[in-house]
Amino acid sequence: MADIYSDGTYLTNNPGWGAADAAWKAGHVVDMLKRNSINPRSVCDVGCGSGETLVAMSRLMGPDVSFAGYEPSPQAFEICAAKAGGPLSFFNAGLEAVADGGFDVVMALDIVEHVEDCFGFLRELGKKGRHKILHFPLDITALSAARPAALAETRRTFGHIHYFCKDTALAALERAGIRTVDWVYTGSSTDFPAPGAKMKLLNAARKTAFRVSPDAAVRLLGGWSLLVLAE
């Protein structure tokens, strides 16, 4: 793990460590499981951050499902460990500590873009459970190509060292031997209040374009991420 996740840099840039959009993310994950008739008894979240996604999922899925969060950052673990109890367990460890085949569903939500050996990570993730749920930010767009400073800011603030579009994310899974079962776009920017007038206009354009052609809107204007169910 890079130093920014333990030296205070990431925490300074992202004080909530993913808590702000956790309920939104949990809703999308639970919807994906339901639409594919998957009813897990155990769920693992690798790189669980604040742990709030698992907290939200436990509320949506009920007490009969157990949830385990693995978080290697000591600072993030301090946040999520306080939420342990009942169906929720948290461990100060990474993917290497997850038992092969140990869970019905294994998740890596906005994680792959941070991992130096992303293909090795995906291959190992594939061993941990039958079903995998992954969430990829789609940083590669025509708009981001025209504004390279925005990609640099994404790297500085969020620690992204790999950039994906839908096709490269799905290709990465295929290369790692993981079969995509289903996928959906999630409105990682458009589903939240815009921080200013320019962003409000951009999000309005994104939503209009998405209604006409989702793939084209995502490729050109961005504002969406990719949620994948895989085996």
C-alpha atoms as a PDB file:
ATOM      1  CA  MET A   1       0.000   0.000   0.000  1.00  0.00           C
ATOM      2  CA  ALA A   2       1.293   3.435  -0.965  1.00  0.00           C
ATOM      3  CA  ASP A   3       2.260   5.776   1.858  1.00  0.00           C
ATOM      4  CA  ILE A   4      -0.603   8.211   1.218  1.00  0.00           C
ATOM      5  CA  TYR A   5      -2.999   5.703   2.833  1.00  0.00           C
ATOM      6  CA  SER A   6      -1.049   5.592   6.072  1.00  0.00           C
ATOM      7  CA  ASP A   7       0.814   8.909   6.343  1.00  0.00           C
ATOM      8  CA  GLY A   8      -2.292  11.074   6.676  1.00  0.00           C
ATOM      9  CA  THR A   9      -2.383  12.391   3.095  1.00  0.00           C
ATOM     10  CA  TYR A  10      -5.422  10.463   1.940  1.00  0.00           C
ATOM     11  CA  LEU A  11      -7.294  11.137   5.174  1.00  0.00           C
ATOM     12  CA  THR A  12      -6.600  14.869   4.846  1.00  0.00           C
ATOM     13  CA  ASN A  13      -7.882  14.916   1.260  1.00  0.00           C
ATOM     14  CA  ASN A  14     -10.840  12.603   2.007  1.00  0.00           C
ATOM     15  CA  PRO A  15     -11.833  13.052   5.668  1.00  0.00           C
ATOM     16  CA  GLY A  16     -14.876  10.775   5.502  1.00  0.00           C
ATOM     17  CA  TRP A  17     -12.952   7.995   3.727  1.00  0.00           C
ATOM     18  CA  GLY A  18     -15.916   7.163   1.459  1.00  0.00           C
ATOM     19  CA  ALA A  19     -18.706   7.645   3.989  1.00  0.00           C
ATOM     20  CA  ALA A  20     -20.513  10.360   2.018  1.00  0.00           C
ATOM     21  CA  ASP A  21     -21.558   8.114  -0.866  1.00  0.00           C
ATOM     22  CA  ALA A  22     -21.657   4.819   1.041  1.00  0.00           C
ATOM     23  CA  ALA A  23     -25.458   4.506   1.259  1.00  0.00           C
ATOM     24  CA  TRP A  24     -25.763   5.360  -2.437  1.00  0.00           C
ATOM     25  CA  LYS A  25     -23.164   2.725  -3.318  1.00  0.00           C
ATOM     26  CA  ALA A  26     -24.779   0.125  -1.054  1.00  0.00           C
ATOM     27  CA  GLY A  27     -28.133   0.676  -2.751  1.00  0.00           C
ATOM     28  CA  HIS A  28     -26.647   0.018  -6.167  1.00  0.00           C
ATOM     29  CA  VAL A  29     -24.878  -3.134  -4.966  1.00  0.00           C
ATOM     30  CA  VAL A  30     -28.018  -4.542  -3.344  1.00  0.00           C
ATOM     31  CA  ASP A  31     -30.045  -3.735  -6.481  1.00  0.00           C
ATOM     32  CA  MET A  32     -27.467  -5.560  -8.610  1.00  0.00           C
ATOM     33  CA  LEU A  33     -27.668  -8.646  -6.393  1.00  0.00           C
ATOM     34  CA  LYS A  34     -31.463  -8.617  -6.444  1.00  0.00           C
ATOM     35  CA  ARG A  35     -31.774  -8.274 -10.186  1.00  0.00           C
ATOM     36  CA  ASN A  36     -29.518 -11.300 -10.612  1.00  0.00           C
ATOM     37  CA  SER A  37     -31.356 -13.324  -7.925  1.00  0.00           C
ATOM     38  CA  ILE A  38     -28.263 -13.588  -5.719  1.00  0.00           C
ATOM     39  CA  ASN A  39     -29.033 -14.015  -2.018  1.00  0.00           C
ATOM     40  CA  PRO A  40     -25.691 -14.195  -0.191  1.00  0.00           C
ATOM     41  CA  ARG A  41     -25.221 -15.251   3.391  1.00  0.00           C
ATOM     42  CA  SER A  42     -21.733 -13.704   3.606  1.00  0.00           C
ATOM     43  CA  VAL A  43     -20.295 -10.552   2.043  1.00  0.00           C
ATOM     44  CA  CYS A  44     -16.707  -9.299   2.092  1.00  0.00           C
ATOM     45  CA  ASP A  45     -15.598  -5.761   1.222  1.00  0.00           C
ATOM     46  CA  VAL A  46     -11.897  -5.470   0.381  1.00  0.00           C
ATOM     47  CA  GLY A  47     -10.660  -1.946   1.074  1.00  0.00           C
ATOM     48  CA  CYS A  48     -13.796  -1.094   3.034  1.00  0.00           C
ATOM     49  CA  GLY A  49     -12.578   2.370   4.103  1.00  0.00           C
ATOM     50  CA  SER A  50     -14.980   3.894   6.610  1.00  0.00           C
ATOM     51  CA  GLY A  51     -17.053   0.692   6.652  1.00  0.00           C
ATOM     52  CA  GLU A  52     -20.221   2.665   5.940  1.00  0.00           C
ATOM     53  CA  THR A  53     -21.047   0.737   2.756  1.00  0.00           C
ATOM     54  CA  LEU A  54     -21.256  -2.481   4.756  1.00  0.00           C
ATOM     55  CA  VAL A  55     -23.254  -0.736   7.477  1.00  0.00           C
ATOM     56  CA  ALA A  56     -25.751   0.450   4.863  1.00  0.00           C
ATOM     57  CA  MET A  57     -25.890  -2.969   3.209  1.00  0.00           C
ATOM     58  CA  SER A  58     -26.559  -4.647   6.550  1.00  0.00           C
ATOM     59  CA  ARG A  59     -29.585  -2.404   7.018  1.00  0.00           C
ATOM     60  CA  LEU A  60     -30.869  -3.238   3.553  1.00  0.00           C
ATOM     61  CA  MET A  61     -30.189  -6.989   3.642  1.00  0.00           C
ATOM     62  CA  GLY A  62     -31.026  -7.852   7.240  1.00  0.00           C
ATOM     63  CA  PRO A  63     -29.373  -9.665  10.145  1.00  0.00           C
ATOM     64  CA  ASP A  64     -29.116 -13.074   8.457  1.00  0.00           C
ATOM     65  CA  VAL A  65     -26.221 -11.876   6.270  1.00  0.00           C
ATOM     66  CA  SER A  66     -22.725 -11.548   7.744  1.00  0.00           C
ATOM     67  CA  PHE A  67     -20.415  -8.772   6.565  1.00  0.00           C
ATOM     68  CA  ALA A  68     -16.628  -8.598   6.800  1.00  0.00           C
ATOM     69  CA  GLY A  69     -14.603  -5.515   5.931  1.00  0.00           C
ATOM     70  CA  TYR A  70     -10.872  -5.733   5.255  1.00  0.00           C
ATOM     71  CA  GLU A  71      -8.985  -2.436   5.443  1.00  0.00           C
ATOM     72  CA  PRO A  72      -5.167  -2.265   5.399  1.00  0.00           C
ATOM     73  CA  SER A  73      -4.914   1.443   6.220  1.00  0.00           C
ATOM     74  CA  PRO A  74      -4.546   1.865   9.994  1.00  0.00           C
ATOM     75  CA  GLN A  75      -6.272   5.230   9.837  1.00  0.00           C
ATOM     76  CA  ALA A  76      -9.306   3.944   7.927  1.00  0.00           C
ATOM     77  CA  PHE A  77      -9.427   0.866  10.142  1.00  0.00           C
ATOM     78  CA  GLU A  78      -9.695   3.075  13.203  1.00  0.00           C
ATOM     79  CA  ILE A  79     -12.840   4.569  11.636  1.00  0.00           C
ATOM     80  CA  CYS A  80     -14.505   1.315  10.597  1.00  0.00           C
ATOM     81  CA  ALA A  81     -13.504  -0.791  13.613  1.00  0.00           C
ATOM     82  CA  ALA A  82     -15.748   1.330  15.838  1.00  0.00           C
ATOM     83  CA  LYS A  83     -18.746   0.062  13.820  1.00  0.00           C
ATOM     84  CA  ALA A  84     -18.113  -3.641  14.448  1.00  0.00           C
ATOM     85  CA  GLY A  85     -20.810  -5.679  16.116  1.00  0.00           C
ATOM     86  CA  GLY A  86     -23.700  -7.945  15.254  1.00  0.00           C
ATOM     87  CA  PRO A  87     -23.301  -9.034  11.615  1.00  0.00           C
ATOM     88  CA  LEU A  88     -20.395  -6.621  11.020  1.00  0.00           C
ATOM     89  CA  SER A  89     -16.717  -7.521  11.454  1.00  0.00           C
ATOM     90  CA  PHE A  90     -13.669  -5.507  10.420  1.00  0.00           C
ATOM     91  CA  PHE A  91     -10.034  -6.516   9.998  1.00  0.00           C
ATOM     92  CA  ASN A  92      -6.899  -4.392   9.688  1.00  0.00           C
ATOM     93  CA  ALA A  93      -5.633  -6.347   6.688  1.00  0.00           C
ATOM     94  CA  GLY A  94      -5.788  -6.466   2.917  1.00  0.00           C
ATOM     95  CA  LEU A  95      -6.785  -8.977   0.266  1.00  0.00           C
ATOM     96  CA  GLU A  96      -4.034 -11.404   1.264  1.00  0.00           C
ATOM     97  CA  ALA A  97      -5.836 -12.085   4.552  1.00  0.00           C
ATOM     98  CA  VAL A  98      -9.123 -13.098   2.912  1.00  0.00           C
ATOM     99  CA  ALA A  99      -9.563 -16.873   2.765  1.00  0.00           C
ATOM    100  CA  ASP A 100      -9.981 -18.395  -0.693  1.00  0.00           C
ATOM    101  CA  GLY A 101     -13.637 -19.217  -1.263  1.00  0.00           C
ATOM    102  CA  GLY A 102     -14.499 -17.768   2.098  1.00  0.00           C
ATOM    103  CA  PHE A 103     -17.456 -15.598   1.049  1.00  0.00           C
ATOM    104  CA  ASP A 104     -20.526 -15.740  -1.155  1.00  0.00           C
ATOM    105  CA  VAL A 105     -19.859 -12.221  -2.462  1.00  0.00           C
ATOM    106  CA  VAL A 106     -16.528 -10.376  -2.492  1.00  0.00           C
ATOM    107  CA  MET A 107     -16.498  -6.663  -3.284  1.00  0.00           C
ATOM    108  CA  ALA A 108     -13.834  -4.207  -4.402  1.00  0.00           C
ATOM    109  CA  LEU A 109     -15.575  -0.849  -4.697  1.00  0.00           C
ATOM    110  CA  ASP A 110     -13.410   1.938  -6.132  1.00  0.00           C
ATOM    111  CA  ILE A 111     -10.264   0.007  -5.228  1.00  0.00           C
ATOM    112  CA  VAL A 112      -8.655  -1.379  -8.398  1.00  0.00           C
ATOM    113  CA  GLU A 113      -7.585   2.069  -9.611  1.00  0.00           C
ATOM    114  CA  HIS A 114      -5.440   2.460  -6.465  1.00  0.00           C
ATOM    115  CA  VAL A 115      -3.567  -0.858  -6.676  1.00  0.00           C
ATOM    116  CA  GLU A 116      -0.168  -0.896  -8.380  1.00  0.00           C
ATOM    117  CA  ASP A 117      -0.467  -4.504  -9.591  1.00  0.00           C
ATOM    118  CA  CYS A 118      -4.115  -4.292 -10.533  1.00  0.00           C
ATOM    119  CA  PHE A 119      -4.092  -7.539 -12.550  1.00  0.00           C
ATOM    120  CA  GLY A 120      -2.512  -9.508  -9.729  1.00  0.00           C
ATOM    121  CA  PHE A 121      -5.068  -8.005  -7.364  1.00  0.00           C
ATOM    122  CA  LEU A 122      -7.959  -9.023  -9.624  1.00  0.00           C
ATOM    123  CA  ARG A 123      -6.644 -12.578 -10.016  1.00  0.00           C
ATOM    124  CA  GLU A 124      -6.420 -12.954  -6.253  1.00  0.00           C
ATOM    125  CA  LEU A 125      -9.842 -11.366  -5.782  1.00  0.00           C
ATOM    126  CA  GLY A 126     -11.273 -13.949  -8.148  1.00  0.00           C
ATOM    127  CA  LYS A 127     -10.313 -16.730  -5.728  1.00  0.00           C
ATOM    128  CA  LYS A 128     -12.094 -15.312  -2.700  1.00  0.00           C
ATOM    129  CA  GLY A 129     -15.718 -16.037  -3.589  1.00  0.00           C
ATOM    130  CA  ARG A 130     -18.031 -17.150  -6.361  1.00  0.00           C
ATOM    131  CA  HIS A 131     -19.551 -13.736  -6.994  1.00  0.00           C
ATOM    132  CA  LYS A 132     -17.576 -10.532  -7.296  1.00  0.00           C
ATOM    133  CA  ILE A 133     -18.887  -6.958  -7.228  1.00  0.00           C
ATOM    134  CA  LEU A 134     -16.558  -4.238  -8.485  1.00  0.00           C
ATOM    135  CA  HIS A 135     -17.030  -0.503  -8.900  1.00  0.00           C
ATOM    136  CA  PHE A 136     -14.763   1.399 -11.279  1.00  0.00           C
ATOM    137  CA  PRO A 137     -14.607   5.186 -11.638  1.00  0.00           C
ATOM    138  CA  LEU A 138     -14.617   5.947 -15.367  1.00  0.00           C
ATOM    139  CA  ASP A 139     -11.914   8.604 -15.552  1.00  0.00           C
ATOM    140  CA  ILE A 140     -11.142   8.196 -19.270  1.00  0.00           C
ATOM    141  CA  THR A 141     -13.503  10.430 -21.246  1.00  0.00           C
ATOM    142  CA  ALA A 142     -13.243  12.924 -24.075  1.00  0.00           C
ATOM    143  CA  LEU A 143     -13.743  15.681 -21.517  1.00  0.00           C
ATOM    144  CA  SER A 144     -10.927  14.427 -19.280  1.00  0.00           C
ATOM    145  CA  ALA A 145      -8.621  14.111 -22.306  1.00  0.00           C
ATOM    146  CA  ALA A 146      -9.288  17.775 -23.058  1.00  0.00           C
ATOM    147  CA  ARG A 147      -8.590  18.695 -19.424  1.00  0.00           C
ATOM    148  CA  PRO A 148      -5.464  16.744 -18.387  1.00  0.00           C
ATOM    149  CA  ALA A 149      -5.164  18.809 -15.207  1.00  0.00           C
ATOM    150  CA  ALA A 150      -8.375  17.160 -14.011  1.00  0.00           C
ATOM    151  CA  LEU A 151      -6.784  13.702 -14.238  1.00  0.00           C
ATOM    152  CA  ALA A 152      -3.735  14.979 -12.381  1.00  0.00           C
ATOM    153  CA  GLU A 153      -6.018  16.331  -9.657  1.00  0.00           C
ATOM    154  CA  THR A 154      -7.786  12.960  -9.439  1.00  0.00           C
ATOM    155  CA  ARG A 155      -4.423  11.338  -8.853  1.00  0.00           C
ATOM    156  CA  ARG A 156      -3.383  13.896  -6.250  1.00  0.00           C
ATOM    157  CA  THR A 157      -6.653  13.943  -4.323  1.00  0.00           C
ATOM    158  CA  PHE A 158      -7.928  10.383  -4.655  1.00  0.00           C
ATOM    159  CA  GLY A 159      -4.757   8.417  -5.393  1.00  0.00           C
ATOM    160  CA  HIS A 160      -5.876   6.952  -8.714  1.00  0.00           C
ATOM    161  CA  ILE A 161      -2.874   5.437 -10.495  1.00  0.00           C
ATOM    162  CA  HIS A 162      -4.923   3.629 -13.169  1.00  0.00           C
ATOM    163  CA  TYR A 163      -7.608   5.231 -15.306  1.00  0.00           C
ATOM    164  CA  PHE A 164     -10.498   3.276 -16.806  1.00  0.00           C
ATOM    165  CA  CYS A 165     -13.295   3.537 -19.320  1.00  0.00           C
ATOM    166  CA  LYS A 166     -16.006   0.876 -19.507  1.00  0.00           C
ATOM    167  CA  ASP A 167     -14.193  -1.161 -22.137  1.00  0.00           C
ATOM    168  CA  THR A 168     -10.811  -1.191 -20.383  1.00  0.00           C
ATOM    169  CA  ALA A 169     -12.413  -2.067 -17.030  1.00  0.00           C
ATOM    170  CA  LEU A 170     -14.224  -5.060 -18.522  1.00  0.00           C
ATOM    171  CA  ALA A 171     -11.087  -6.044 -20.451  1.00  0.00           C
ATOM    172  CA  ALA A 172      -9.054  -5.970 -17.229  1.00  0.00           C
ATOM    173  CA  LEU A 173     -11.495  -8.416 -15.644  1.00  0.00           C
ATOM    174  CA  GLU A 174     -11.337 -10.695 -18.668  1.00  0.00           C
ATOM    175  CA  ARG A 175      -7.532 -10.644 -18.651  1.00  0.00           C
ATOM    176  CA  ALA A 176      -7.589 -11.621 -14.977  1.00  0.00           C
ATOM    177  CA  GLY A 177      -9.832 -14.603 -15.723  1.00  0.00           C
ATOM    178  CA  ILE A 178     -12.967 -13.078 -14.209  1.00  0.00           C
ATOM    179  CA  ARG A 179     -16.186 -13.400 -16.210  1.00  0.00           C
ATOM    180  CA  THR A 180     -18.536 -10.425 -16.313  1.00  0.00           C
ATOM    181  CA  VAL A 181     -22.154 -11.395 -15.630  1.00  0.00           C
ATOM    182  CA  ASP A 182     -23.836  -7.975 -15.531  1.00  0.00           C
ATOM    183  CA  TRP A 183     -22.931  -4.309 -15.400  1.00  0.00           C
ATOM    184  CA  VAL A 184     -24.606  -0.923 -14.994  1.00  0.00           C
ATOM    185  CA  TYR A 185     -23.532   2.692 -15.046  1.00  0.00           C
ATOM    186  CA  THR A 186     -23.865   4.558 -11.744  1.00  0.00           C
ATOM    187  CA  GLY A 187     -24.199   8.327 -11.608  1.00  0.00           C
ATOM    188  CA  SER A 188     -21.176   9.041  -9.453  1.00  0.00           C
ATOM    189  CA  SER A 189     -21.406  12.767 -10.245  1.00  0.00           C
ATOM    190  CA  THR A 190     -24.916  13.220 -11.609  1.00  0.00           C
ATOM    191  CA  ASP A 191     -26.701  11.663  -8.609  1.00  0.00           C
ATOM    192  CA  PHE A 192     -25.295  14.231  -6.165  1.00  0.00           C
ATOM    193  CA  PRO A 193     -25.781  17.992  -5.774  1.00  0.00           C
ATOM    194  CA  ALA A 194     -23.407  19.918  -8.013  1.00  0.00           C
ATOM    195  CA  PRO A 195     -20.882  22.141  -6.171  1.00  0.00           C
ATOM    196  CA  GLY A 196     -21.283  25.176  -8.442  1.00  0.00           C
ATOM    197  CA  ALA A 197     -23.062  26.741 -11.401  1.00  0.00           C
ATOM    198  CA  LYS A 198     -20.685  25.310 -14.016  1.00  0.00           C
ATOM    199  CA  MET A 199     -21.015  21.814 -12.610  1.00  0.00           C
ATOM    200  CA  LYS A 200     -24.807  22.145 -12.512  1.00  0.00           C
ATOM    201  CA  LEU A 201     -24.802  22.979 -16.213  1.00  0.00           C
ATOM    202  CA  LEU A 202     -22.416  20.136 -16.968  1.00  0.00           C
ATOM    203  CA  ASN A 203     -24.511  17.632 -15.026  1.00  0.00           C
ATOM    204  CA  ALA A 204     -27.653  18.810 -16.801  1.00  0.00           C
ATOM    205  CA  ALA A 205     -25.906  18.205 -20.141  1.00  0.00           C
ATOM    206  CA  ARG A 206     -24.719  14.803 -18.938  1.00  0.00           C
ATOM    207  CA  LYS A 207     -28.217  13.718 -17.937  1.00  0.00           C
ATOM    208  CA  THR A 208     -29.726  14.897 -21.216  1.00  0.00           C
ATOM    209  CA  ALA A 209     -27.052  13.141 -23.256  1.00  0.00           C
ATOM    210  CA  PHE A 210     -27.398   9.976 -21.168  1.00  0.00           C
ATOM    211  CA  ARG A 211     -31.118   9.749 -21.960  1.00  0.00           C
ATOM    212  CA  VAL A 212     -30.278   9.859 -25.674  1.00  0.00           C
ATOM    213  CA  SER A 213     -27.232   7.540 -25.692  1.00  0.00           C
ATOM    214  CA  PRO A 214     -25.783   6.278 -22.397  1.00  0.00           C
ATOM    215  CA  ASP A 215     -22.524   4.934 -23.844  1.00  0.00           C
ATOM    216  CA  ALA A 216     -21.842   8.098 -25.831  1.00  0.00           C
ATOM    217  CA  ALA A 217     -22.655  10.349 -22.874  1.00  0.00           C
ATOM    218  CA  VAL A 218     -20.303   8.451 -20.576  1.00  0.00           C
ATOM    219  CA  ARG A 219     -17.480   8.363 -23.147  1.00  0.00           C
ATOM    220  CA  LEU A 220     -17.786  12.055 -23.975  1.00  0.00           C
ATOM    221  CA  LEU A 221     -18.827  13.868 -20.781  1.00  0.00           C
ATOM    222  CA  GLY A 222     -18.122  11.445 -17.930  1.00  0.00           C
ATOM    223  CA  GLY A 223     -19.850  11.692 -14.585  1.00  0.00           C
ATOM    224  CA  TRP A 224     -20.556   7.985 -14.245  1.00  0.00           C
ATOM    225  CA  SER A 225     -18.872   4.924 -12.776  1.00  0.00           C
ATOM    226  CA  LEU A 226     -19.253   1.255 -13.655  1.00  0.00           C
ATOM    227  CA  LEU A 227     -20.705  -1.364 -11.305  1.00  0.00           C
ATOM    228  CA  VAL A 228     -19.894  -4.927 -12.362  1.00  0.00           C
ATOM    229  CA  LEU A 229     -21.155  -8.301 -11.197  1.00  0.00           C
ATOM    230  CA  ALA A 230     -18.681 -11.031 -12.102  1.00  0.00           C
ATOM    231  CA  GLU A 231     -17.850 -14.685 -11.488  1.00  0.00           C
END
